[in-house]
Each structure stands twice: as structure tokens, then as C-alpha cells.
Amino acid sequence: MIRRPPAWLLPATVLMALVLMLLPLPPALAPARPAWMALVVAYWVIETPERVGLGAAFVIGLIADLCVGGLLGEQALRMVVLAFILQRFRARLRFFPLWQQSAAIGAILLNDRVVASAVHVALGLGGPPPVAWLSPVIGMAAWPVLFLALDALRLRLRRA
């Protein structure tokens, strides 16, 4: 019998990511904020693909759009693209050492930044400031800590 983590854990981690997205930062550093929602969605797509797929990524992205107040559907598009790439390479990613997994997540977060920039440029909103390109690097550095923390929590709650 496979024991699953409690149903409340996924919404709790999404809520945690929303809070981290909404925390105020100095205006100069705000564009470099790591994509917390993307990191949380990435974790759940890798670890529990039966619960978090393209549909869940779309809904989570829409919730993030509503909370942030940006373009409606931008985060949803970005989360779906991210989830699609992760689903495609999930079997390989799960068995990478953590440092290689972090590099792969960094590349996926860079793709996320490119998609966001393409949407903004296509709508005539202009490209992101140069400091925004630090966001994937910061997210890549945060991935091991986030992954290990969520994994420990998920496994501990599954055993309880």
C-alpha cells in the first residue's frame, strides 16, 4: 500500500509560494525575485505527477495571476510550459544528483524568463530590466534547499 502525503500539503506549499511572491522587496531587487511559484510547481510535477499536471499548473498560474495583479493568463501560460517541459524530462530529472537537477531547473527557469519576456514584448510592454535575468540563477541556487525541505516534509507527513 502506497501512502500519499496529506491533501492539504500541496495547497499549503502553493500558499507559501504566493506569500513569498507578494513579499515586498526594494524596487531595484524586485525583478530579481526567484520564481517561487515555478519552483513549487516544479517540485510537485517531479514528485507527484499524478496530482500536478498541466491542468493543475494552469489553475495555480491563474491563482498567481489574480494575486499578483499582472496580465491575466501570463503566469498560467508560464506554469503550463514549465510543467510540460518537466513532464517530458521527469524520468531523467528524478535520478539526477541534486546539483545536476539544480542546473536543469535553472535552465527551465531561464526558459520561463524568456517566455515572460516574449509575452511582454509581444504586447508592447517592453522587455525586463537586466537585473531580472538574475532570477533564474537565484532560483537555481534556491532549488536544493526548497527541494530538500519539501521532500523531508512530504516524506515525514506520509509516514505519520
N, C-alpha and C. Protein backbone atom coordinates (compact mmCIF):
# COMPACT_ATOMS: atom_id res chain seq x y z
N MET A 1 0.83 -1.17 0.00
CA MET A 1 0.00 0.00 0.00
C MET A 1 0.89 1.25 0.00
N ILE A 2 0.64 2.14 -0.95
CA ILE A 2 1.40 3.38 -1.04
C ILE A 2 0.66 4.46 -0.27
N ARG A 3 1.37 5.05 0.68
CA ARG A 3 0.77 6.14 1.46
C ARG A 3 1.12 7.46 0.80
N ARG A 4 0.12 8.27 0.60
CA ARG A 4 0.31 9.57 -0.02
C ARG A 4 0.40 10.63 1.05
N PRO A 5 1.06 11.74 0.71
CA PRO A 5 1.07 12.85 1.68
C PRO A 5 -0.33 13.41 1.82
N PRO A 6 -0.61 14.13 2.91
CA PRO A 6 -1.96 14.67 3.10
C PRO A 6 -2.35 15.63 1.98
N ALA A 7 -3.63 15.70 1.71
CA ALA A 7 -4.15 16.52 0.61
C ALA A 7 -3.89 18.01 0.84
N TRP A 8 -3.74 18.44 2.07
CA TRP A 8 -3.56 19.85 2.36
C TRP A 8 -2.15 20.35 2.06
N LEU A 9 -1.20 19.44 1.87
CA LEU A 9 0.19 19.84 1.71
C LEU A 9 0.43 20.62 0.42
N LEU A 10 -0.17 20.19 -0.68
CA LEU A 10 0.01 20.89 -1.96
C LEU A 10 -0.54 22.33 -1.87
N PRO A 11 -1.81 22.53 -1.44
CA PRO A 11 -2.28 23.91 -1.33
C PRO A 11 -1.46 24.75 -0.34
N ALA A 12 -0.96 24.13 0.72
CA ALA A 12 -0.16 24.87 1.69
C ALA A 12 1.14 25.36 1.06
N THR A 13 1.78 24.52 0.25
CA THR A 13 3.02 24.95 -0.39
C THR A 13 2.76 26.01 -1.46
N VAL A 14 1.63 25.90 -2.14
CA VAL A 14 1.27 26.93 -3.13
C VAL A 14 1.01 28.25 -2.41
N LEU A 15 0.33 28.19 -1.28
CA LEU A 15 0.09 29.40 -0.49
C LEU A 15 1.40 30.00 0.00
N MET A 16 2.33 29.15 0.42
CA MET A 16 3.64 29.63 0.85
C MET A 16 4.35 30.34 -0.30
N ALA A 17 4.28 29.78 -1.50
CA ALA A 17 4.90 30.40 -2.67
C ALA A 17 4.23 31.74 -2.99
N LEU A 18 2.91 31.81 -2.86
CA LEU A 18 2.20 33.07 -3.09
C LEU A 18 2.66 34.15 -2.10
N VAL A 19 2.81 33.78 -0.85
CA VAL A 19 3.27 34.74 0.16
C VAL A 19 4.67 35.22 -0.19
N LEU A 20 5.56 34.30 -0.60
CA LEU A 20 6.91 34.70 -0.98
C LEU A 20 6.92 35.58 -2.22
N MET A 21 5.95 35.34 -3.14
CA MET A 21 5.84 36.19 -4.33
C MET A 21 5.40 37.60 -3.98
N LEU A 22 4.58 37.72 -2.95
CA LEU A 22 3.99 39.01 -2.60
C LEU A 22 4.78 39.80 -1.57
N LEU A 23 5.80 39.18 -0.98
CA LEU A 23 6.62 39.91 -0.01
C LEU A 23 7.28 41.11 -0.69
N PRO A 24 7.22 42.27 -0.06
CA PRO A 24 7.82 43.45 -0.69
C PRO A 24 9.35 43.36 -0.68
N LEU A 25 9.92 43.78 -1.79
CA LEU A 25 11.37 43.90 -1.93
C LEU A 25 11.68 45.31 -2.38
N PRO A 26 12.90 45.78 -2.17
CA PRO A 26 13.26 47.08 -2.72
C PRO A 26 13.05 47.08 -4.24
N PRO A 27 12.61 48.20 -4.79
CA PRO A 27 12.30 48.24 -6.23
C PRO A 27 13.45 47.79 -7.13
N ALA A 28 14.68 48.03 -6.71
CA ALA A 28 15.82 47.63 -7.54
C ALA A 28 15.99 46.11 -7.57
N LEU A 29 15.57 45.43 -6.49
CA LEU A 29 15.74 43.98 -6.41
C LEU A 29 14.49 43.19 -6.79
N ALA A 30 13.35 43.84 -6.86
CA ALA A 30 12.10 43.13 -7.14
C ALA A 30 12.13 42.30 -8.43
N PRO A 31 12.73 42.79 -9.52
CA PRO A 31 12.75 41.95 -10.73
C PRO A 31 13.62 40.69 -10.58
N ALA A 32 14.53 40.67 -9.63
CA ALA A 32 15.40 39.51 -9.44
C ALA A 32 14.80 38.48 -8.49
N ARG A 33 13.57 38.70 -8.06
CA ARG A 33 12.90 37.77 -7.15
C ARG A 33 12.85 36.39 -7.79
N PRO A 34 13.20 35.35 -7.05
CA PRO A 34 13.10 34.00 -7.62
C PRO A 34 11.65 33.65 -7.94
N ALA A 35 11.45 32.82 -8.91
CA ALA A 35 10.11 32.39 -9.31
C ALA A 35 9.66 31.30 -8.34
N TRP A 36 9.21 31.71 -7.16
CA TRP A 36 8.84 30.75 -6.12
C TRP A 36 7.73 29.81 -6.57
N MET A 37 6.75 30.36 -7.27
CA MET A 37 5.64 29.52 -7.72
C MET A 37 6.14 28.48 -8.71
N ALA A 38 7.05 28.88 -9.59
CA ALA A 38 7.60 27.94 -10.56
C ALA A 38 8.39 26.84 -9.85
N LEU A 39 9.11 27.19 -8.81
CA LEU A 39 9.88 26.19 -8.07
C LEU A 39 8.96 25.19 -7.36
N VAL A 40 7.88 25.69 -6.77
CA VAL A 40 6.94 24.80 -6.08
C VAL A 40 6.22 23.90 -7.09
N VAL A 41 5.79 24.47 -8.20
CA VAL A 41 5.13 23.65 -9.23
C VAL A 41 6.12 22.61 -9.77
N ALA A 42 7.37 23.02 -9.96
CA ALA A 42 8.38 22.08 -10.45
C ALA A 42 8.54 20.90 -9.48
N TYR A 43 8.61 21.20 -8.19
CA TYR A 43 8.75 20.13 -7.20
C TYR A 43 7.59 19.14 -7.31
N TRP A 44 6.35 19.66 -7.33
CA TRP A 44 5.20 18.77 -7.33
C TRP A 44 5.05 18.01 -8.64
N VAL A 45 5.42 18.62 -9.76
CA VAL A 45 5.36 17.89 -11.04
C VAL A 45 6.37 16.76 -11.05
N ILE A 46 7.54 17.00 -10.49
CA ILE A 46 8.57 15.95 -10.45
C ILE A 46 8.19 14.84 -9.48
N GLU A 47 7.69 15.20 -8.30
CA GLU A 47 7.47 14.20 -7.26
C GLU A 47 6.09 13.53 -7.30
N THR A 48 5.06 14.25 -7.69
CA THR A 48 3.72 13.66 -7.73
C THR A 48 3.00 14.06 -9.03
N PRO A 49 3.43 13.50 -10.15
CA PRO A 49 2.83 13.88 -11.43
C PRO A 49 1.36 13.47 -11.55
N GLU A 50 0.93 12.52 -10.74
CA GLU A 50 -0.48 12.12 -10.79
C GLU A 50 -1.39 13.18 -10.17
N ARG A 51 -0.84 14.05 -9.34
CA ARG A 51 -1.62 15.12 -8.71
C ARG A 51 -1.45 16.46 -9.38
N VAL A 52 -0.27 16.73 -9.90
CA VAL A 52 0.01 18.03 -10.50
C VAL A 52 0.48 17.81 -11.94
N GLY A 53 -0.38 18.18 -12.86
CA GLY A 53 -0.07 18.09 -14.28
C GLY A 53 -0.30 19.45 -14.92
N LEU A 54 -0.63 19.43 -16.20
CA LEU A 54 -0.82 20.67 -16.93
C LEU A 54 -2.04 21.46 -16.42
N GLY A 55 -3.12 20.75 -16.12
CA GLY A 55 -4.32 21.43 -15.62
C GLY A 55 -4.09 22.10 -14.29
N ALA A 56 -3.46 21.39 -13.37
CA ALA A 56 -3.18 21.97 -12.05
C ALA A 56 -2.21 23.14 -12.18
N ALA A 57 -1.22 23.01 -13.07
CA ALA A 57 -0.27 24.11 -13.29
C ALA A 57 -0.99 25.34 -13.83
N PHE A 58 -1.97 25.12 -14.72
CA PHE A 58 -2.74 26.24 -15.27
C PHE A 58 -3.55 26.93 -14.17
N VAL A 59 -4.22 26.16 -13.33
CA VAL A 59 -5.03 26.73 -12.24
C VAL A 59 -4.13 27.47 -11.25
N ILE A 60 -3.02 26.89 -10.90
CA ILE A 60 -2.09 27.55 -9.97
C ILE A 60 -1.57 28.85 -10.59
N GLY A 61 -1.29 28.82 -11.88
CA GLY A 61 -0.84 30.04 -12.57
C GLY A 61 -1.91 31.11 -12.59
N LEU A 62 -3.17 30.72 -12.79
CA LEU A 62 -4.26 31.70 -12.76
C LEU A 62 -4.41 32.30 -11.37
N ILE A 63 -4.29 31.47 -10.34
CA ILE A 63 -4.36 31.99 -8.97
C ILE A 63 -3.23 32.99 -8.73
N ALA A 64 -2.03 32.67 -9.22
CA ALA A 64 -0.90 33.58 -9.07
C ALA A 64 -1.16 34.88 -9.84
N ASP A 65 -1.73 34.77 -11.04
CA ASP A 65 -2.07 35.97 -11.81
C ASP A 65 -3.03 36.87 -11.05
N LEU A 66 -4.04 36.27 -10.45
CA LEU A 66 -5.03 37.05 -9.71
C LEU A 66 -4.42 37.70 -8.47
N CYS A 67 -3.51 37.02 -7.82
CA CYS A 67 -2.90 37.56 -6.61
C CYS A 67 -1.89 38.67 -6.92
N VAL A 68 -1.13 38.48 -7.98
CA VAL A 68 -0.10 39.45 -8.33
C VAL A 68 -0.70 40.66 -9.02
N GLY A 69 -1.76 40.45 -9.79
CA GLY A 69 -2.42 41.55 -10.47
C GLY A 69 -1.77 41.94 -11.78
N GLY A 70 -1.03 41.02 -12.39
CA GLY A 70 -0.41 41.29 -13.68
C GLY A 70 -1.34 40.91 -14.81
N LEU A 71 -0.75 40.55 -15.92
CA LEU A 71 -1.53 40.11 -17.07
C LEU A 71 -2.23 38.79 -16.74
N LEU A 72 -3.52 38.76 -16.93
CA LEU A 72 -4.27 37.55 -16.64
C LEU A 72 -3.91 36.48 -17.66
N GLY A 73 -3.39 35.39 -17.20
CA GLY A 73 -3.01 34.28 -18.06
C GLY A 73 -1.52 34.16 -18.30
N GLU A 74 -0.75 35.20 -17.95
CA GLU A 74 0.69 35.13 -18.18
C GLU A 74 1.34 34.04 -17.31
N GLN A 75 1.09 34.10 -16.01
CA GLN A 75 1.65 33.08 -15.11
C GLN A 75 1.11 31.70 -15.46
N ALA A 76 -0.17 31.65 -15.85
CA ALA A 76 -0.77 30.37 -16.22
C ALA A 76 -0.05 29.77 -17.42
N LEU A 77 0.22 30.58 -18.43
CA LEU A 77 0.98 30.11 -19.59
C LEU A 77 2.36 29.65 -19.19
N ARG A 78 3.02 30.43 -18.37
CA ARG A 78 4.38 30.07 -17.94
C ARG A 78 4.39 28.77 -17.13
N MET A 79 3.41 28.59 -16.24
CA MET A 79 3.36 27.36 -15.44
C MET A 79 3.06 26.14 -16.32
N VAL A 80 2.21 26.30 -17.33
CA VAL A 80 1.90 25.18 -18.22
C VAL A 80 3.12 24.79 -19.04
N VAL A 81 3.85 25.78 -19.55
CA VAL A 81 5.07 25.49 -20.31
C VAL A 81 6.09 24.79 -19.41
N LEU A 82 6.24 25.30 -18.19
CA LEU A 82 7.17 24.69 -17.23
C LEU A 82 6.76 23.25 -16.91
N ALA A 83 5.48 23.03 -16.65
CA ALA A 83 5.00 21.68 -16.32
C ALA A 83 5.17 20.74 -17.51
N PHE A 84 4.93 21.23 -18.71
CA PHE A 84 5.10 20.39 -19.90
C PHE A 84 6.54 19.93 -20.04
N ILE A 85 7.48 20.86 -19.91
CA ILE A 85 8.90 20.50 -20.03
C ILE A 85 9.29 19.52 -18.93
N LEU A 86 8.83 19.77 -17.71
CA LEU A 86 9.17 18.88 -16.61
C LEU A 86 8.56 17.49 -16.79
N GLN A 87 7.33 17.42 -17.28
CA GLN A 87 6.72 16.11 -17.52
C GLN A 87 7.51 15.34 -18.58
N ARG A 88 7.97 16.06 -19.57
CA ARG A 88 8.71 15.42 -20.67
C ARG A 88 10.01 14.80 -20.17
N PHE A 89 10.69 15.49 -19.26
CA PHE A 89 12.01 15.04 -18.80
C PHE A 89 12.01 14.53 -17.37
N ARG A 90 10.85 14.29 -16.80
CA ARG A 90 10.72 13.87 -15.41
C ARG A 90 11.49 12.62 -15.08
N ALA A 91 11.41 11.62 -15.93
CA ALA A 91 12.07 10.34 -15.65
C ALA A 91 13.58 10.52 -15.50
N ARG A 92 14.14 11.41 -16.26
CA ARG A 92 15.59 11.66 -16.16
C ARG A 92 15.91 12.54 -14.96
N LEU A 93 15.12 13.58 -14.78
CA LEU A 93 15.39 14.54 -13.70
C LEU A 93 15.37 13.90 -12.32
N ARG A 94 14.47 12.97 -12.12
CA ARG A 94 14.33 12.36 -10.78
C ARG A 94 15.60 11.64 -10.35
N PHE A 95 16.39 11.17 -11.30
CA PHE A 95 17.57 10.40 -10.95
C PHE A 95 18.86 11.18 -11.09
N PHE A 96 18.77 12.47 -11.41
CA PHE A 96 19.95 13.33 -11.42
C PHE A 96 20.40 13.57 -9.99
N PRO A 97 21.70 13.72 -9.77
CA PRO A 97 22.14 14.22 -8.46
C PRO A 97 21.58 15.63 -8.27
N LEU A 98 21.50 16.07 -7.04
CA LEU A 98 20.84 17.34 -6.75
C LEU A 98 21.48 18.52 -7.47
N TRP A 99 22.80 18.52 -7.62
CA TRP A 99 23.44 19.64 -8.30
C TRP A 99 23.09 19.66 -9.79
N GLN A 100 22.95 18.49 -10.42
CA GLN A 100 22.55 18.45 -11.82
C GLN A 100 21.07 18.81 -11.96
N GLN A 101 20.28 18.37 -11.02
CA GLN A 101 18.86 18.72 -11.02
C GLN A 101 18.72 20.24 -10.89
N SER A 102 19.54 20.84 -10.05
CA SER A 102 19.52 22.29 -9.86
C SER A 102 19.89 23.01 -11.15
N ALA A 103 20.88 22.51 -11.87
CA ALA A 103 21.26 23.12 -13.15
C ALA A 103 20.13 23.00 -14.16
N ALA A 104 19.46 21.86 -14.19
CA ALA A 104 18.34 21.67 -15.12
C ALA A 104 17.19 22.60 -14.75
N ILE A 105 16.91 22.75 -13.47
CA ILE A 105 15.87 23.67 -13.02
C ILE A 105 16.25 25.10 -13.40
N GLY A 106 17.53 25.44 -13.29
CA GLY A 106 17.99 26.76 -13.71
C GLY A 106 17.72 27.01 -15.19
N ALA A 107 17.96 26.00 -16.02
CA ALA A 107 17.68 26.14 -17.45
C ALA A 107 16.18 26.30 -17.70
N ILE A 108 15.37 25.57 -16.95
CA ILE A 108 13.91 25.68 -17.11
C ILE A 108 13.43 27.04 -16.63
N LEU A 109 14.02 27.56 -15.55
CA LEU A 109 13.66 28.89 -15.07
C LEU A 109 14.11 29.97 -16.05
N LEU A 110 15.24 29.75 -16.72
CA LEU A 110 15.67 30.67 -17.77
C LEU A 110 14.66 30.67 -18.91
N ASN A 111 14.18 29.49 -19.28
CA ASN A 111 13.13 29.40 -20.30
C ASN A 111 11.87 30.14 -19.84
N ASP A 112 11.55 30.02 -18.56
CA ASP A 112 10.39 30.73 -18.01
C ASP A 112 10.57 32.23 -18.16
N ARG A 113 11.77 32.73 -17.90
CA ARG A 113 12.05 34.16 -18.04
C ARG A 113 11.94 34.59 -19.50
N VAL A 114 12.39 33.74 -20.41
CA VAL A 114 12.29 34.04 -21.85
C VAL A 114 10.82 34.11 -22.28
N VAL A 115 10.01 33.16 -21.81
CA VAL A 115 8.57 33.17 -22.14
C VAL A 115 7.92 34.44 -21.61
N ALA A 116 8.22 34.81 -20.37
CA ALA A 116 7.65 36.04 -19.79
C ALA A 116 8.08 37.26 -20.59
N SER A 117 9.35 37.31 -20.97
CA SER A 117 9.84 38.44 -21.76
C SER A 117 9.18 38.49 -23.12
N ALA A 118 9.00 37.34 -23.75
CA ALA A 118 8.36 37.28 -25.07
C ALA A 118 6.92 37.78 -24.99
N VAL A 119 6.21 37.39 -23.94
CA VAL A 119 4.83 37.85 -23.77
C VAL A 119 4.80 39.37 -23.62
N HIS A 120 5.68 39.90 -22.78
CA HIS A 120 5.69 41.34 -22.54
C HIS A 120 6.08 42.12 -23.80
N VAL A 121 7.07 41.63 -24.53
CA VAL A 121 7.49 42.31 -25.76
C VAL A 121 6.39 42.21 -26.82
N ALA A 122 5.74 41.07 -26.93
CA ALA A 122 4.67 40.90 -27.91
C ALA A 122 3.50 41.84 -27.63
N LEU A 123 3.27 42.16 -26.37
CA LEU A 123 2.17 43.05 -26.01
C LEU A 123 2.61 44.52 -25.95
N GLY A 124 3.86 44.77 -26.29
CA GLY A 124 4.35 46.15 -26.31
C GLY A 124 4.66 46.72 -24.95
N LEU A 125 4.88 45.86 -23.97
CA LEU A 125 5.17 46.32 -22.62
C LEU A 125 6.66 46.51 -22.35
N GLY A 126 7.49 46.15 -23.32
CA GLY A 126 8.93 46.26 -23.16
C GLY A 126 9.51 45.04 -22.46
N GLY A 127 10.81 44.90 -22.61
CA GLY A 127 11.49 43.77 -22.00
C GLY A 127 11.78 44.00 -20.53
N PRO A 128 12.22 42.97 -19.85
CA PRO A 128 12.53 43.11 -18.42
C PRO A 128 13.83 43.88 -18.22
N PRO A 129 14.02 44.46 -17.04
CA PRO A 129 15.30 45.11 -16.76
C PRO A 129 16.40 44.05 -16.67
N PRO A 130 17.65 44.46 -16.86
CA PRO A 130 18.75 43.47 -16.84
C PRO A 130 18.83 42.66 -15.54
N VAL A 131 18.46 43.26 -14.40
CA VAL A 131 18.54 42.54 -13.13
C VAL A 131 17.56 41.37 -13.09
N ALA A 132 16.53 41.38 -13.92
CA ALA A 132 15.54 40.29 -13.94
C ALA A 132 16.16 38.98 -14.40
N TRP A 133 17.26 39.05 -15.13
CA TRP A 133 17.89 37.82 -15.62
C TRP A 133 18.67 37.11 -14.51
N LEU A 134 18.76 37.73 -13.34
CA LEU A 134 19.36 37.06 -12.17
C LEU A 134 18.37 36.10 -11.51
N SER A 135 17.10 36.29 -11.76
CA SER A 135 16.07 35.47 -11.14
C SER A 135 16.27 33.97 -11.36
N PRO A 136 16.56 33.51 -12.60
CA PRO A 136 16.80 32.06 -12.77
C PRO A 136 18.01 31.55 -11.99
N VAL A 137 19.04 32.39 -11.87
CA VAL A 137 20.24 31.98 -11.13
C VAL A 137 19.92 31.85 -9.65
N ILE A 138 19.15 32.81 -9.11
CA ILE A 138 18.76 32.75 -7.70
C ILE A 138 17.83 31.55 -7.46
N GLY A 139 16.92 31.31 -8.40
CA GLY A 139 16.04 30.15 -8.29
C GLY A 139 16.81 28.84 -8.33
N MET A 140 17.83 28.79 -9.18
CA MET A 140 18.67 27.60 -9.28
C MET A 140 19.40 27.36 -7.96
N ALA A 141 19.87 28.43 -7.33
CA ALA A 141 20.55 28.30 -6.04
C ALA A 141 19.58 27.92 -4.93
N ALA A 142 18.33 28.36 -5.04
CA ALA A 142 17.32 28.04 -4.01
C ALA A 142 16.75 26.64 -4.17
N TRP A 143 16.87 26.05 -5.36
CA TRP A 143 16.24 24.75 -5.62
C TRP A 143 16.67 23.66 -4.64
N PRO A 144 17.98 23.45 -4.37
CA PRO A 144 18.34 22.36 -3.45
C PRO A 144 17.71 22.51 -2.07
N VAL A 145 17.69 23.72 -1.54
CA VAL A 145 17.12 23.95 -0.21
C VAL A 145 15.61 23.69 -0.24
N LEU A 146 14.93 24.23 -1.25
CA LEU A 146 13.49 24.04 -1.36
C LEU A 146 13.15 22.57 -1.57
N PHE A 147 13.90 21.91 -2.45
CA PHE A 147 13.64 20.50 -2.74
C PHE A 147 13.81 19.64 -1.49
N LEU A 148 14.91 19.83 -0.78
CA LEU A 148 15.17 19.02 0.40
C LEU A 148 14.15 19.30 1.51
N ALA A 149 13.76 20.57 1.67
CA ALA A 149 12.78 20.91 2.70
C ALA A 149 11.41 20.31 2.37
N LEU A 150 10.95 20.48 1.13
CA LEU A 150 9.65 19.92 0.76
C LEU A 150 9.65 18.41 0.76
N ASP A 151 10.76 17.82 0.34
CA ASP A 151 10.85 16.36 0.33
C ASP A 151 10.82 15.79 1.74
N ALA A 152 11.55 16.42 2.65
CA ALA A 152 11.54 15.95 4.04
C ALA A 152 10.16 16.09 4.65
N LEU A 153 9.50 17.21 4.39
CA LEU A 153 8.16 17.43 4.91
C LEU A 153 7.18 16.42 4.33
N ARG A 154 7.22 16.21 3.02
CA ARG A 154 6.31 15.29 2.36
C ARG A 154 6.50 13.86 2.87
N LEU A 155 7.75 13.44 3.00
CA LEU A 155 8.02 12.07 3.45
C LEU A 155 7.66 11.89 4.93
N ARG A 156 7.91 12.89 5.74
CA ARG A 156 7.57 12.78 7.17
C ARG A 156 6.06 12.70 7.35
N LEU A 157 5.32 13.53 6.62
CA LEU A 157 3.87 13.51 6.74
C LEU A 157 3.26 12.25 6.14
N ARG A 158 3.92 11.67 5.16
CA ARG A 158 3.41 10.44 4.55
C ARG A 158 3.54 9.28 5.52
N ARG A 159 4.58 9.30 6.33
CA ARG A 159 4.79 8.20 7.29
C ARG A 159 3.88 8.33 8.50
N ALA A 160 3.48 9.56 8.79
CA ALA A 160 2.67 9.79 10.01
C ALA A 160 1.27 9.22 9.88
